[in-house]
Protein backbone atom coordinates (compact mmCIF):
# COMPACT_ATOMS: atom_id res chain seq x y z
CA MET A 1 -0.32 -0.08 -0.12
CA PRO A 2 1.49 3.13 -0.96
CA GLN A 3 2.46 5.65 1.84
CA VAL A 4 1.22 9.57 1.66
CA HIS A 5 3.23 12.09 3.17
CA ILE A 6 1.80 15.22 4.40
CA ALA A 7 3.55 18.50 5.00
CA GLY A 8 3.80 18.68 8.60
CA GLY A 9 3.26 15.14 9.43
CA ARG A 10 -0.26 16.07 10.67
CA LEU A 11 -3.65 15.31 8.39
CA PRO A 12 -5.79 17.94 8.49
CA SER A 13 -8.89 18.09 10.99
CA LEU A 14 -12.57 17.11 9.23
CA ASP A 15 -13.41 20.76 10.29
CA GLN A 16 -10.63 22.03 8.24
CA ARG A 17 -11.42 19.53 5.02
CA LEU A 18 -14.86 20.72 4.72
CA GLN A 19 -14.08 24.34 5.01
CA THR A 20 -11.88 23.94 2.09
CA ALA A 21 -14.49 22.19 0.23
CA ALA A 22 -16.96 24.50 1.18
CA ARG A 23 -14.80 27.58 -0.90
CA ARG A 24 -15.10 27.71 -4.14
CA SER A 25 -13.71 30.00 -6.72
CA MET A 26 -15.55 33.21 -8.24
CA THR A 27 -16.93 32.67 -11.49
CA TYR A 28 -15.77 35.81 -14.11
CA GLY A 29 -19.39 36.57 -14.29
CA GLU A 30 -19.43 36.77 -10.38
CA GLN A 31 -16.44 38.52 -10.01
CA VAL A 32 -18.27 41.55 -12.56
CA ALA A 33 -21.20 41.12 -10.89
CA ILE A 34 -19.14 42.07 -7.27
CA MET A 35 -17.62 45.14 -9.00
CA ILE A 36 -21.63 46.33 -9.66
CA LEU A 37 -22.90 45.29 -6.22
CA THR A 38 -19.55 47.25 -4.64
CA ALA A 39 -20.25 50.00 -6.59
CA LYS A 40 -23.81 50.41 -5.43
CA SER A 41 -23.14 49.67 -1.56
CA MET A 42 -20.30 52.66 -2.06
CA GLY A 43 -23.21 54.79 -3.01
CA LEU A 44 -21.89 55.41 -6.69
CA ASP A 45 -24.76 55.17 -9.86
CA ALA A 46 -24.55 51.86 -11.02
CA ASN A 47 -26.64 50.28 -13.63
CA HIS A 48 -27.69 46.54 -13.95
CA VAL A 49 -27.77 46.22 -10.21
CA ASP A 50 -30.62 43.61 -10.52
CA LEU A 51 -28.58 41.84 -12.82
CA ALA A 52 -25.85 41.62 -10.96
CA GLU A 53 -27.69 40.32 -7.75
CA ARG A 54 -29.06 37.42 -10.02
CA VAL A 55 -25.72 36.24 -10.69
CA ILE A 56 -24.45 36.66 -6.97
CA ASP A 57 -27.76 34.35 -6.08
CA GLY A 58 -26.78 31.90 -8.37
CA GLY A 59 -28.52 32.71 -11.32
CA SER A 60 -28.07 33.02 -14.95
CA VAL A 61 -28.34 35.80 -17.46
CA HIS A 62 -28.57 35.92 -21.22
CA PRO A 63 -25.34 36.46 -22.81
CA THR A 64 -26.14 40.06 -24.01
CA HIS A 65 -27.35 41.16 -21.12
CA PHE A 66 -23.96 39.93 -19.36
CA THR A 67 -22.26 42.22 -21.73
CA PHE A 68 -23.65 45.24 -20.71
CA MET A 69 -22.94 43.87 -16.98
CA GLU A 70 -19.17 43.63 -17.93
CA SER A 71 -19.29 47.13 -20.02
CA GLU A 72 -20.83 48.69 -16.70
CA SER A 73 -17.90 46.95 -14.53
CA VAL A 74 -15.10 48.11 -16.61
CA ARG A 75 -16.96 51.90 -16.28
CA LEU A 76 -17.29 51.62 -12.44
CA HIS A 77 -13.53 50.00 -12.39
CA ASN A 78 -12.33 53.09 -14.35
CA LEU A 79 -14.24 55.69 -11.81
CA ILE A 80 -12.96 54.09 -9.17
CA ALA A 81 -9.24 53.66 -9.99
CA SER A 82 -8.56 57.19 -10.37
CA ASP A 83 -8.96 57.64 -6.96
CA THR A 84 -6.93 56.25 -4.33
CA THR A 85 -9.68 56.61 -1.41
CA LEU A 86 -12.06 55.22 -3.14
CA VAL A 87 -9.98 52.29 -4.00
CA SER A 88 -9.44 51.41 -0.53
CA VAL A 89 -13.38 52.01 0.07
CA ALA A 90 -14.21 49.55 -2.80
CA ASN A 91 -11.35 46.86 -1.60
CA ALA A 92 -13.00 46.80 1.51
CA LYS A 93 -16.67 46.61 0.72
CA ALA A 94 -15.82 44.08 -2.20
CA GLY A 95 -14.11 42.07 0.86
CA GLU A 96 -17.37 42.44 2.63
CA LEU A 97 -19.50 41.08 0.21
CA LYS A 98 -17.18 38.23 -1.05
CA SER A 99 -17.33 37.14 2.62
CA LYS A 100 -21.23 37.30 2.99
CA HIS A 101 -21.34 35.28 -0.43
CA GLY A 102 -19.11 32.16 0.77
CA TRP A 103 -15.61 33.77 -1.40
CA GLU A 104 -12.36 34.65 0.86
């Protein structure tokens, strides 16, 4: 029987394995949606919030509608990126949203 070598010599606990299994990567669509919802939470005028919420809740949107969301996230990114204070606020708000929805 082959041996398995674990770094540190210990197996992760069941709790650690379950937490790792529960994490998942964000899709590109979810990243776009987070940008829109982050801007909304900052009080910026964000369009397509309803579509972004649908994506974050696990729903889908028509590819044509997604292109609208993508264009809006680029517009918002460019607006936020020009001000270091807004960047800091956006990073904090995005982190909160990601944690709320199960991403780290």
